[in-house]
All heavy atoms as atom14 arrays in JSON, in Angstrom:
{
  "sequence": "KNFGGPEVLELAEVADPLPAPGEVLVEVSLAGVNYRDTHLSEVGTL",
  "atom14_mask": [
    [1, 1, 1, 1, 1, 1, 1, 1, 1, 0, 0, 0, 0, 0],
    [1, 1, 1, 1, 1, 1, 1, 1, 0, 0, 0, 0, 0, 0],
    [1, 1, 1, 1, 1, 1, 1, 1, 1, 1, 1, 0, 0, 0],
    [1, 1, 1, 1, 0, 0, 0, 0, 0, 0, 0, 0, 0, 0],
    [1, 1, 1, 1, 0, 0, 0, 0, 0, 0, 0, 0, 0, 0],
    [1, 1, 1, 1, 1, 1, 1, 0, 0, 0, 0, 0, 0, 0],
    [1, 1, 1, 1, 1, 1, 1, 1, 1, 0, 0, 0, 0, 0],
    [1, 1, 1, 1, 1, 1, 1, 0, 0, 0, 0, 0, 0, 0],
    [1, 1, 1, 1, 1, 1, 1, 1, 0, 0, 0, 0, 0, 0],
    [1, 1, 1, 1, 1, 1, 1, 1, 1, 0, 0, 0, 0, 0],
    [1, 1, 1, 1, 1, 1, 1, 1, 0, 0, 0, 0, 0, 0],
    [1, 1, 1, 1, 1, 0, 0, 0, 0, 0, 0, 0, 0, 0],
    [1, 1, 1, 1, 1, 1, 1, 1, 1, 0, 0, 0, 0, 0],
    [1, 1, 1, 1, 1, 1, 1, 0, 0, 0, 0, 0, 0, 0],
    [1, 1, 1, 1, 1, 0, 0, 0, 0, 0, 0, 0, 0, 0],
    [1, 1, 1, 1, 1, 1, 1, 1, 0, 0, 0, 0, 0, 0],
    [1, 1, 1, 1, 1, 1, 1, 0, 0, 0, 0, 0, 0, 0],
    [1, 1, 1, 1, 1, 1, 1, 1, 0, 0, 0, 0, 0, 0],
    [1, 1, 1, 1, 1, 1, 1, 0, 0, 0, 0, 0, 0, 0],
    [1, 1, 1, 1, 1, 0, 0, 0, 0, 0, 0, 0, 0, 0],
    [1, 1, 1, 1, 1, 1, 1, 0, 0, 0, 0, 0, 0, 0],
    [1, 1, 1, 1, 0, 0, 0, 0, 0, 0, 0, 0, 0, 0],
    [1, 1, 1, 1, 1, 1, 1, 1, 1, 0, 0, 0, 0, 0],
    [1, 1, 1, 1, 1, 1, 1, 0, 0, 0, 0, 0, 0, 0],
    [1, 1, 1, 1, 1, 1, 1, 1, 0, 0, 0, 0, 0, 0],
    [1, 1, 1, 1, 1, 1, 1, 0, 0, 0, 0, 0, 0, 0],
    [1, 1, 1, 1, 1, 1, 1, 1, 1, 0, 0, 0, 0, 0],
    [1, 1, 1, 1, 1, 1, 1, 0, 0, 0, 0, 0, 0, 0],
    [1, 1, 1, 1, 1, 1, 0, 0, 0, 0, 0, 0, 0, 0],
    [1, 1, 1, 1, 1, 1, 1, 1, 0, 0, 0, 0, 0, 0],
    [1, 1, 1, 1, 1, 0, 0, 0, 0, 0, 0, 0, 0, 0],
    [1, 1, 1, 1, 0, 0, 0, 0, 0, 0, 0, 0, 0, 0],
    [1, 1, 1, 1, 1, 1, 1, 0, 0, 0, 0, 0, 0, 0],
    [1, 1, 1, 1, 1, 1, 1, 1, 0, 0, 0, 0, 0, 0],
    [1, 1, 1, 1, 1, 1, 1, 1, 1, 1, 1, 1, 0, 0],
    [1, 1, 1, 1, 1, 1, 1, 1, 1, 1, 1, 0, 0, 0],
    [1, 1, 1, 1, 1, 1, 1, 1, 0, 0, 0, 0, 0, 0],
    [1, 1, 1, 1, 1, 1, 1, 0, 0, 0, 0, 0, 0, 0],
    [1, 1, 1, 1, 1, 1, 1, 1, 1, 1, 0, 0, 0, 0],
    [1, 1, 1, 1, 1, 1, 1, 1, 0, 0, 0, 0, 0, 0],
    [1, 1, 1, 1, 1, 1, 0, 0, 0, 0, 0, 0, 0, 0],
    [1, 1, 1, 1, 1, 1, 1, 1, 1, 0, 0, 0, 0, 0],
    [1, 1, 1, 1, 1, 1, 1, 0, 0, 0, 0, 0, 0, 0],
    [1, 1, 1, 1, 0, 0, 0, 0, 0, 0, 0, 0, 0, 0],
    [1, 1, 1, 1, 1, 1, 1, 0, 0, 0, 0, 0, 0, 0],
    [1, 1, 1, 1, 1, 1, 1, 1, 0, 0, 0, 0, 0, 0]
  ],
  "atom14_positions": [
    [[0.81, -1.2, 0.0], [-0.01, 0.0, 0.0], [0.87, 1.26, 0.0], [0.36, 2.35, -0.33], [-0.92, 0.0, 1.22], [-1.93, -1.14, 1.21], [-2.8, -1.1, 2.46], [-3.8, -2.25, 2.46], [-4.64, -2.26, 3.68], [0.0, 0.0, 0.0], [0.0, 0.0, 0.0], [0.0, 0.0, 0.0], [0.0, 0.0, 0.0], [0.0, 0.0, 0.0]],
    [[2.12, 1.1, 0.39], [3.07, 2.23, 0.39], [4.42, 1.68, -0.06], [4.77, 0.56, 0.27], [3.2, 2.86, 1.77], [1.9, 3.43, 2.28], [1.46, 4.47, 1.86], [1.29, 2.7, 3.25], [0.0, 0.0, 0.0], [0.0, 0.0, 0.0], [0.0, 0.0, 0.0], [0.0, 0.0, 0.0], [0.0, 0.0, 0.0], [0.0, 0.0, 0.0]],
    [[5.21, 2.49, -0.8], [6.52, 2.03, -1.22], [7.47, 2.17, -0.03], [7.38, 3.07, 0.8], [7.01, 2.88, -2.4], [6.23, 2.59, -3.65], [5.59, 3.64, -4.32], [6.18, 1.34, -4.16], [4.87, 3.39, -5.46], [5.45, 1.05, -5.31], [4.79, 2.1, -5.98], [0.0, 0.0, 0.0], [0.0, 0.0, 0.0], [0.0, 0.0, 0.0]],
    [[8.4, 1.26, 0.03], [9.39, 1.23, 1.12], [10.15, -0.06, 1.09], [10.28, -0.71, 0.05], [0.0, 0.0, 0.0], [0.0, 0.0, 0.0], [0.0, 0.0, 0.0], [0.0, 0.0, 0.0], [0.0, 0.0, 0.0], [0.0, 0.0, 0.0], [0.0, 0.0, 0.0], [0.0, 0.0, 0.0], [0.0, 0.0, 0.0], [0.0, 0.0, 0.0]],
    [[10.69, -0.46, 2.24], [11.44, -1.68, 2.36], [10.52, -2.9, 2.57], [9.3, -2.81, 2.34], [0.0, 0.0, 0.0], [0.0, 0.0, 0.0], [0.0, 0.0, 0.0], [0.0, 0.0, 0.0], [0.0, 0.0, 0.0], [0.0, 0.0, 0.0], [0.0, 0.0, 0.0], [0.0, 0.0, 0.0], [0.0, 0.0, 0.0], [0.0, 0.0, 0.0]],
    [[11.06, -4.01, 3.02], [10.26, -5.21, 3.22], [9.09, -5.0, 4.19], [8.1, -5.74, 4.13], [11.26, -6.21, 3.8], [12.58, -5.76, 3.28], [12.49, -4.27, 3.26], [0.0, 0.0, 0.0], [0.0, 0.0, 0.0], [0.0, 0.0, 0.0], [0.0, 0.0, 0.0], [0.0, 0.0, 0.0], [0.0, 0.0, 0.0], [0.0, 0.0, 0.0]],
    [[9.19, -3.99, 5.04], [8.11, -3.76, 6.03], [6.79, -3.37, 5.37], [5.73, -3.43, 6.02], [8.54, -2.68, 7.03], [8.53, -1.24, 6.52], [9.74, -0.9, 5.66], [10.68, -1.75, 5.59], [9.79, 0.2, 5.07], [0.0, 0.0, 0.0], [0.0, 0.0, 0.0], [0.0, 0.0, 0.0], [0.0, 0.0, 0.0], [0.0, 0.0, 0.0]],
    [[6.8, -2.95, 4.1], [5.57, -2.53, 3.45], [4.79, -3.72, 2.88], [3.69, -3.58, 2.39], [5.8, -1.48, 2.32], [6.55, -0.29, 2.89], [6.53, -2.1, 1.15], [0.0, 0.0, 0.0], [0.0, 0.0, 0.0], [0.0, 0.0, 0.0], [0.0, 0.0, 0.0], [0.0, 0.0, 0.0], [0.0, 0.0, 0.0], [0.0, 0.0, 0.0]],
    [[5.38, -4.9, 2.91], [4.73, -6.12, 2.4], [3.77, -6.6, 3.48], [4.14, -6.99, 4.56], [5.75, -7.17, 2.06], [6.77, -6.85, 0.99], [7.93, -7.8, 1.02], [6.11, -6.86, -0.39], [0.0, 0.0, 0.0], [0.0, 0.0, 0.0], [0.0, 0.0, 0.0], [0.0, 0.0, 0.0], [0.0, 0.0, 0.0], [0.0, 0.0, 0.0]],
    [[2.46, -6.58, 3.17], [1.43, -6.93, 4.13], [0.58, -8.09, 3.64], [0.18, -8.12, 2.49], [0.52, -5.71, 4.4], [1.23, -4.49, 4.96], [0.28, -3.35, 5.17], [-0.95, -3.51, 4.92], [0.74, -2.26, 5.59], [0.0, 0.0, 0.0], [0.0, 0.0, 0.0], [0.0, 0.0, 0.0], [0.0, 0.0, 0.0], [0.0, 0.0, 0.0]],
    [[0.28, -9.03, 4.55], [-0.64, -10.1, 4.23], [-2.05, -9.57, 4.35], [-2.42, -8.96, 5.35], [-0.43, -11.29, 5.19], [-1.21, -12.55, 4.88], [-0.86, -13.1, 3.5], [-0.94, -13.59, 5.94], [0.0, 0.0, 0.0], [0.0, 0.0, 0.0], [0.0, 0.0, 0.0], [0.0, 0.0, 0.0], [0.0, 0.0, 0.0], [0.0, 0.0, 0.0]],
    [[-2.84, -9.72, 3.29], [-4.18, -9.12, 3.25], [-5.17, -10.1, 2.63], [-4.79, -11.1, 1.99], [-4.15, -7.83, 2.44], [0.0, 0.0, 0.0], [0.0, 0.0, 0.0], [0.0, 0.0, 0.0], [0.0, 0.0, 0.0], [0.0, 0.0, 0.0], [0.0, 0.0, 0.0], [0.0, 0.0, 0.0], [0.0, 0.0, 0.0], [0.0, 0.0, 0.0]],
    [[-6.44, -9.82, 2.86], [-7.51, -10.57, 2.19], [-8.1, -9.64, 1.15], [-8.56, -8.51, 1.44], [-8.6, -10.99, 3.2], [-9.63, -11.93, 2.6], [-10.56, -12.5, 3.64], [-10.19, -13.49, 4.3], [-11.67, -11.95, 3.79], [0.0, 0.0, 0.0], [0.0, 0.0, 0.0], [0.0, 0.0, 0.0], [0.0, 0.0, 0.0], [0.0, 0.0, 0.0]],
    [[-8.05, -10.08, -0.12], [-8.49, -9.25, -1.23], [-9.47, -10.03, -2.06], [-9.58, -11.27, -1.98], [-7.29, -8.78, -2.09], [-6.3, -8.01, -1.23], [-6.61, -9.98, -2.73], [0.0, 0.0, 0.0], [0.0, 0.0, 0.0], [0.0, 0.0, 0.0], [0.0, 0.0, 0.0], [0.0, 0.0, 0.0], [0.0, 0.0, 0.0], [0.0, 0.0, 0.0]],
    [[-10.16, -9.33, -2.94], [-11.13, -9.98, -3.85], [-10.41, -10.85, -4.85], [-9.31, -10.52, -5.33], [-11.99, -8.92, -4.55], [0.0, 0.0, 0.0], [0.0, 0.0, 0.0], [0.0, 0.0, 0.0], [0.0, 0.0, 0.0], [0.0, 0.0, 0.0], [0.0, 0.0, 0.0], [0.0, 0.0, 0.0], [0.0, 0.0, 0.0], [0.0, 0.0, 0.0]],
    [[-11.01, -11.95, -5.19], [-10.48, -12.81, -6.25], [-10.37, -12.02, -7.56], [-11.24, -11.19, -7.85], [-11.38, -14.0, -6.5], [-11.07, -15.15, -5.62], [-10.03, -15.1, -4.88], [-11.82, -16.15, -5.61], [0.0, 0.0, 0.0], [0.0, 0.0, 0.0], [0.0, 0.0, 0.0], [0.0, 0.0, 0.0], [0.0, 0.0, 0.0], [0.0, 0.0, 0.0]],
    [[-9.32, -12.23, -8.33], [-9.24, -11.56, -9.64], [-10.32, -12.08, -10.58], [-10.68, -13.26, -10.53], [-7.82, -11.95, -10.15], [-7.48, -13.2, -9.42], [-8.17, -13.12, -8.09], [0.0, 0.0, 0.0], [0.0, 0.0, 0.0], [0.0, 0.0, 0.0], [0.0, 0.0, 0.0], [0.0, 0.0, 0.0], [0.0, 0.0, 0.0], [0.0, 0.0, 0.0]],
    [[-10.82, -11.19, -11.41], [-11.81, -11.58, -12.41], [-11.14, -11.65, -13.79], [-10.72, -10.61, -14.31], [-12.96, -10.57, -12.44], [-13.79, -10.45, -11.14], [-14.82, -9.34, -11.28], [-14.48, -11.78, -10.86], [0.0, 0.0, 0.0], [0.0, 0.0, 0.0], [0.0, 0.0, 0.0], [0.0, 0.0, 0.0], [0.0, 0.0, 0.0], [0.0, 0.0, 0.0]],
    [[-10.98, -12.81, -14.37], [-10.31, -12.92, -15.67], [-11.02, -12.1, -16.74], [-12.26, -12.19, -16.87], [-10.35, -14.41, -15.96], [-10.56, -15.07, -14.63], [-11.4, -14.12, -13.86], [0.0, 0.0, 0.0], [0.0, 0.0, 0.0], [0.0, 0.0, 0.0], [0.0, 0.0, 0.0], [0.0, 0.0, 0.0], [0.0, 0.0, 0.0], [0.0, 0.0, 0.0]],
    [[-10.28, -11.36, -17.49], [-10.81, -10.63, -18.62], [-10.89, -11.58, -19.82], [-10.37, -12.73, -19.79], [-9.89, -9.47, -18.98], [0.0, 0.0, 0.0], [0.0, 0.0, 0.0], [0.0, 0.0, 0.0], [0.0, 0.0, 0.0], [0.0, 0.0, 0.0], [0.0, 0.0, 0.0], [0.0, 0.0, 0.0], [0.0, 0.0, 0.0], [0.0, 0.0, 0.0]],
    [[-11.55, -11.19, -20.91], [-11.57, -12.03, -22.1], [-10.16, -12.41, -22.54], [-9.27, -11.54, -22.57], [-12.26, -11.16, -23.13], [-13.15, -10.26, -22.33], [-12.4, -9.95, -21.07], [0.0, 0.0, 0.0], [0.0, 0.0, 0.0], [0.0, 0.0, 0.0], [0.0, 0.0, 0.0], [0.0, 0.0, 0.0], [0.0, 0.0, 0.0], [0.0, 0.0, 0.0]],
    [[-9.9, -13.65, -22.8], [-8.56, -14.1, -23.2], [-7.67, -14.46, -22.02], [-6.51, -14.84, -22.24], [0.0, 0.0, 0.0], [0.0, 0.0, 0.0], [0.0, 0.0, 0.0], [0.0, 0.0, 0.0], [0.0, 0.0, 0.0], [0.0, 0.0, 0.0], [0.0, 0.0, 0.0], [0.0, 0.0, 0.0], [0.0, 0.0, 0.0], [0.0, 0.0, 0.0]],
    [[-8.18, -14.37, -20.79], [-7.4, -14.74, -19.61], [-7.97, -15.99, -18.96], [-9.16, -16.34, -19.13], [-7.4, -13.58, -18.57], [-6.65, -12.37, -19.01], [-6.61, -11.3, -17.91], [-7.5, -11.29, -17.05], [-5.68, -10.47, -17.95], [0.0, 0.0, 0.0], [0.0, 0.0, 0.0], [0.0, 0.0, 0.0], [0.0, 0.0, 0.0], [0.0, 0.0, 0.0]],
    [[-7.13, -16.68, -18.2], [-7.55, -17.85, -17.42], [-7.17, -17.59, -15.96], [-6.21, -16.92, -15.67], [-6.89, -19.14, -17.93], [-7.34, -19.47, -19.34], [-5.35, -19.03, -17.9], [0.0, 0.0, 0.0], [0.0, 0.0, 0.0], [0.0, 0.0, 0.0], [0.0, 0.0, 0.0], [0.0, 0.0, 0.0], [0.0, 0.0, 0.0], [0.0, 0.0, 0.0]],
    [[-7.97, -18.16, -15.08], [-7.69, -18.04, -13.64], [-6.85, -19.24, -13.22], [-7.19, -20.38, -13.5], [-9.02, -18.02, -12.84], [-8.88, -17.69, -11.34], [-8.42, -16.26, -11.16], [-10.21, -17.93, -10.64], [0.0, 0.0, 0.0], [0.0, 0.0, 0.0], [0.0, 0.0, 0.0], [0.0, 0.0, 0.0], [0.0, 0.0, 0.0], [0.0, 0.0, 0.0]],
    [[-5.73, -18.93, -12.56], [-4.8, -19.98, -12.12], [-4.83, -20.06, -10.59], [-4.63, -19.05, -9.91], [-3.38, -19.7, -12.59], [-2.38, -20.72, -12.03], [-3.33, -19.73, -14.13], [0.0, 0.0, 0.0], [0.0, 0.0, 0.0], [0.0, 0.0, 0.0], [0.0, 0.0, 0.0], [0.0, 0.0, 0.0], [0.0, 0.0, 0.0], [0.0, 0.0, 0.0]],
    [[-5.06, -21.24, -10.08], [-4.93, -21.51, -8.64], [-3.44, -21.75, -8.37], [-2.86, -22.71, -8.85], [-5.74, -22.74, -8.27], [-5.88, -22.99, -6.8], [-6.91, -22.1, -6.1], [-7.83, -21.63, -6.8], [-6.79, -21.92, -4.88], [0.0, 0.0, 0.0], [0.0, 0.0, 0.0], [0.0, 0.0, 0.0], [0.0, 0.0, 0.0], [0.0, 0.0, 0.0]],
    [[-2.84, -20.83, -7.64], [-1.38, -20.8, -7.53], [-0.89, -21.82, -6.49], [-1.35, -21.84, -5.35], [-0.91, -19.41, -7.13], [0.62, -19.38, -6.96], [-1.35, -18.38, -8.15], [0.0, 0.0, 0.0], [0.0, 0.0, 0.0], [0.0, 0.0, 0.0], [0.0, 0.0, 0.0], [0.0, 0.0, 0.0], [0.0, 0.0, 0.0], [0.0, 0.0, 0.0]],
    [[0.01, -22.69, -6.91], [0.65, -23.64, -5.99], [1.97, -23.06, -5.45], [2.31, -23.25, -4.29], [0.89, -24.98, -6.65], [1.76, -24.85, -7.77], [0.0, 0.0, 0.0], [0.0, 0.0, 0.0], [0.0, 0.0, 0.0], [0.0, 0.0, 0.0], [0.0, 0.0, 0.0], [0.0, 0.0, 0.0], [0.0, 0.0, 0.0], [0.0, 0.0, 0.0]],
    [[2.68, -22.34, -6.29], [3.92, -21.66, -5.89], [4.06, -20.35, -6.64], [3.71, -20.28, -7.85], [5.15, -22.53, -6.19], [5.34, -23.8, -5.36], [6.52, -24.6, -5.91], [5.6, -23.49, -3.89], [0.0, 0.0, 0.0], [0.0, 0.0, 0.0], [0.0, 0.0, 0.0], [0.0, 0.0, 0.0], [0.0, 0.0, 0.0], [0.0, 0.0, 0.0]],
    [[4.56, -19.33, -5.96], [4.83, -18.05, -6.58], [6.34, -17.77, -6.44], [6.88, -17.9, -5.33], [4.03, -16.94, -5.91], [0.0, 0.0, 0.0], [0.0, 0.0, 0.0], [0.0, 0.0, 0.0], [0.0, 0.0, 0.0], [0.0, 0.0, 0.0], [0.0, 0.0, 0.0], [0.0, 0.0, 0.0], [0.0, 0.0, 0.0], [0.0, 0.0, 0.0]],
    [[6.98, -17.37, -7.52], [8.41, -17.11, -7.48], [8.73, -15.77, -6.84], [7.97, -14.82, -6.98], [0.0, 0.0, 0.0], [0.0, 0.0, 0.0], [0.0, 0.0, 0.0], [0.0, 0.0, 0.0], [0.0, 0.0, 0.0], [0.0, 0.0, 0.0], [0.0, 0.0, 0.0], [0.0, 0.0, 0.0], [0.0, 0.0, 0.0], [0.0, 0.0, 0.0]],
    [[9.86, -15.73, -6.16], [10.37, -14.49, -5.57], [11.67, -14.16, -6.3], [12.6, -14.98, -6.33], [10.6, -14.63, -4.06], [11.24, -13.35, -3.49], [9.3, -14.96, -3.35], [0.0, 0.0, 0.0], [0.0, 0.0, 0.0], [0.0, 0.0, 0.0], [0.0, 0.0, 0.0], [0.0, 0.0, 0.0], [0.0, 0.0, 0.0], [0.0, 0.0, 0.0]],
    [[11.73, -12.96, -6.88], [12.89, -12.56, -7.67], [13.48, -11.26, -7.13], [12.82, -10.48, -6.44], [12.47, -12.34, -9.13], [12.09, -13.65, -9.8], [12.93, -14.43, -10.15], [10.8, -13.87, -9.96], [0.0, 0.0, 0.0], [0.0, 0.0, 0.0], [0.0, 0.0, 0.0], [0.0, 0.0, 0.0], [0.0, 0.0, 0.0], [0.0, 0.0, 0.0]],
    [[14.73, -11.01, -7.5], [15.39, -9.8, -7.02], [14.66, -8.57, -7.49], [14.6, -7.56, -6.78], [16.84, -9.8, -7.54], [17.71, -8.78, -6.84], [18.28, -9.07, -5.58], [17.96, -7.54, -7.4], [19.05, -8.13, -4.92], [18.74, -6.6, -6.74], [19.28, -6.9, -5.49], [20.03, -5.96, -4.86], [0.0, 0.0, 0.0], [0.0, 0.0, 0.0]],
    [[14.08, -8.64, -8.66], [13.35, -7.5, -9.19], [12.19, -7.11, -8.26], [11.77, -5.94, -8.2], [12.86, -7.84, -10.58], [12.05, -6.66, -11.21], [11.68, -6.97, -12.64], [10.89, -5.87, -13.2], [10.49, -5.83, -14.44], [10.89, -6.77, -15.29], [9.77, -4.81, -14.88], [0.0, 0.0, 0.0], [0.0, 0.0, 0.0], [0.0, 0.0, 0.0]],
    [[11.61, -8.1, -7.57], [10.48, -7.79, -6.66], [10.88, -6.82, -5.55], [10.08, -6.04, -5.09], [9.94, -9.09, -6.03], [9.39, -10.07, -7.06], [9.11, -9.63, -8.19], [9.24, -11.25, -6.71], [0.0, 0.0, 0.0], [0.0, 0.0, 0.0], [0.0, 0.0, 0.0], [0.0, 0.0, 0.0], [0.0, 0.0, 0.0], [0.0, 0.0, 0.0]],
    [[12.14, -6.91, -5.12], [12.6, -6.02, -4.07], [12.67, -4.56, -4.59], [12.42, -3.62, -3.81], [13.97, -6.42, -3.49], [15.0, -6.25, -4.5], [13.96, -7.89, -3.04], [0.0, 0.0, 0.0], [0.0, 0.0, 0.0], [0.0, 0.0, 0.0], [0.0, 0.0, 0.0], [0.0, 0.0, 0.0], [0.0, 0.0, 0.0], [0.0, 0.0, 0.0]],
    [[13.0, -4.38, -5.82], [13.0, -3.04, -6.42], [11.57, -2.48, -6.48], [11.34, -1.3, -6.23], [13.58, -3.07, -7.84], [15.07, -3.21, -7.86], [15.91, -2.18, -7.64], [15.87, -4.3, -8.1], [17.17, -2.58, -7.73], [17.16, -3.86, -8.02], [0.0, 0.0, 0.0], [0.0, 0.0, 0.0], [0.0, 0.0, 0.0], [0.0, 0.0, 0.0]],
    [[10.61, -3.36, -6.83], [9.23, -2.92, -6.96], [8.69, -2.37, -5.63], [8.09, -1.3, -5.59], [8.37, -4.09, -7.43], [6.88, -3.83, -7.58], [6.63, -2.77, -8.6], [6.16, -5.09, -7.93], [0.0, 0.0, 0.0], [0.0, 0.0, 0.0], [0.0, 0.0, 0.0], [0.0, 0.0, 0.0], [0.0, 0.0, 0.0], [0.0, 0.0, 0.0]],
    [[8.95, -3.08, -4.55], [8.44, -2.6, -3.26], [9.19, -1.41, -2.72], [8.6, -0.55, -2.06], [8.48, -3.76, -2.21], [9.8, -4.13, -1.95], [0.0, 0.0, 0.0], [0.0, 0.0, 0.0], [0.0, 0.0, 0.0], [0.0, 0.0, 0.0], [0.0, 0.0, 0.0], [0.0, 0.0, 0.0], [0.0, 0.0, 0.0], [0.0, 0.0, 0.0]],
    [[10.48, -1.32, -3.01], [11.27, -0.28, -2.41], [11.15, 1.07, -3.1], [11.1, 2.12, -2.48], [12.77, -0.67, -2.4], [13.05, -1.79, -1.43], [14.53, -2.21, -1.45], [15.29, -1.56, -2.14], [14.85, -3.2, -0.79], [0.0, 0.0, 0.0], [0.0, 0.0, 0.0], [0.0, 0.0, 0.0], [0.0, 0.0, 0.0], [0.0, 0.0, 0.0]],
    [[11.1, 1.08, -4.42], [11.1, 2.36, -5.12], [9.92, 2.56, -6.06], [9.61, 3.68, -6.44], [12.41, 2.56, -5.91], [13.58, 2.64, -4.97], [12.63, 1.41, -6.89], [0.0, 0.0, 0.0], [0.0, 0.0, 0.0], [0.0, 0.0, 0.0], [0.0, 0.0, 0.0], [0.0, 0.0, 0.0], [0.0, 0.0, 0.0], [0.0, 0.0, 0.0]],
    [[9.25, 1.49, -6.43], [8.09, 1.64, -7.3], [8.41, 2.28, -8.62], [7.66, 3.13, -9.1], [0.0, 0.0, 0.0], [0.0, 0.0, 0.0], [0.0, 0.0, 0.0], [0.0, 0.0, 0.0], [0.0, 0.0, 0.0], [0.0, 0.0, 0.0], [0.0, 0.0, 0.0], [0.0, 0.0, 0.0], [0.0, 0.0, 0.0], [0.0, 0.0, 0.0]],
    [[9.49, 1.88, -9.26], [9.92, 2.52, -10.48], [9.44, 1.81, -11.73], [9.65, 2.31, -12.82], [11.44, 2.63, -10.54], [12.0, 1.31, -10.4], [11.98, 3.49, -9.41], [0.0, 0.0, 0.0], [0.0, 0.0, 0.0], [0.0, 0.0, 0.0], [0.0, 0.0, 0.0], [0.0, 0.0, 0.0], [0.0, 0.0, 0.0], [0.0, 0.0, 0.0]],
    [[8.83, 0.64, -11.59], [8.4, -0.08, -12.78], [7.14, 0.57, -13.36], [6.33, 1.13, -12.64], [8.16, -1.54, -12.42], [9.35, -2.28, -11.85], [9.02, -3.72, -11.61], [10.56, -2.19, -12.76], [0.0, 0.0, 0.0], [0.0, 0.0, 0.0], [0.0, 0.0, 0.0], [0.0, 0.0, 0.0], [0.0, 0.0, 0.0], [0.0, 0.0, 0.0]]
  ]
}
């Protein structure tokens, strides 16, 4: 909800995504964590 360090990562309950035309809904078994993700939360430059 706010840019910053790892402390801004919050566990939340949110609405299920609604697939748009041409999309499929995937029940996630594993989500990858990449170095780029740390840039996204810290500076929000993407």
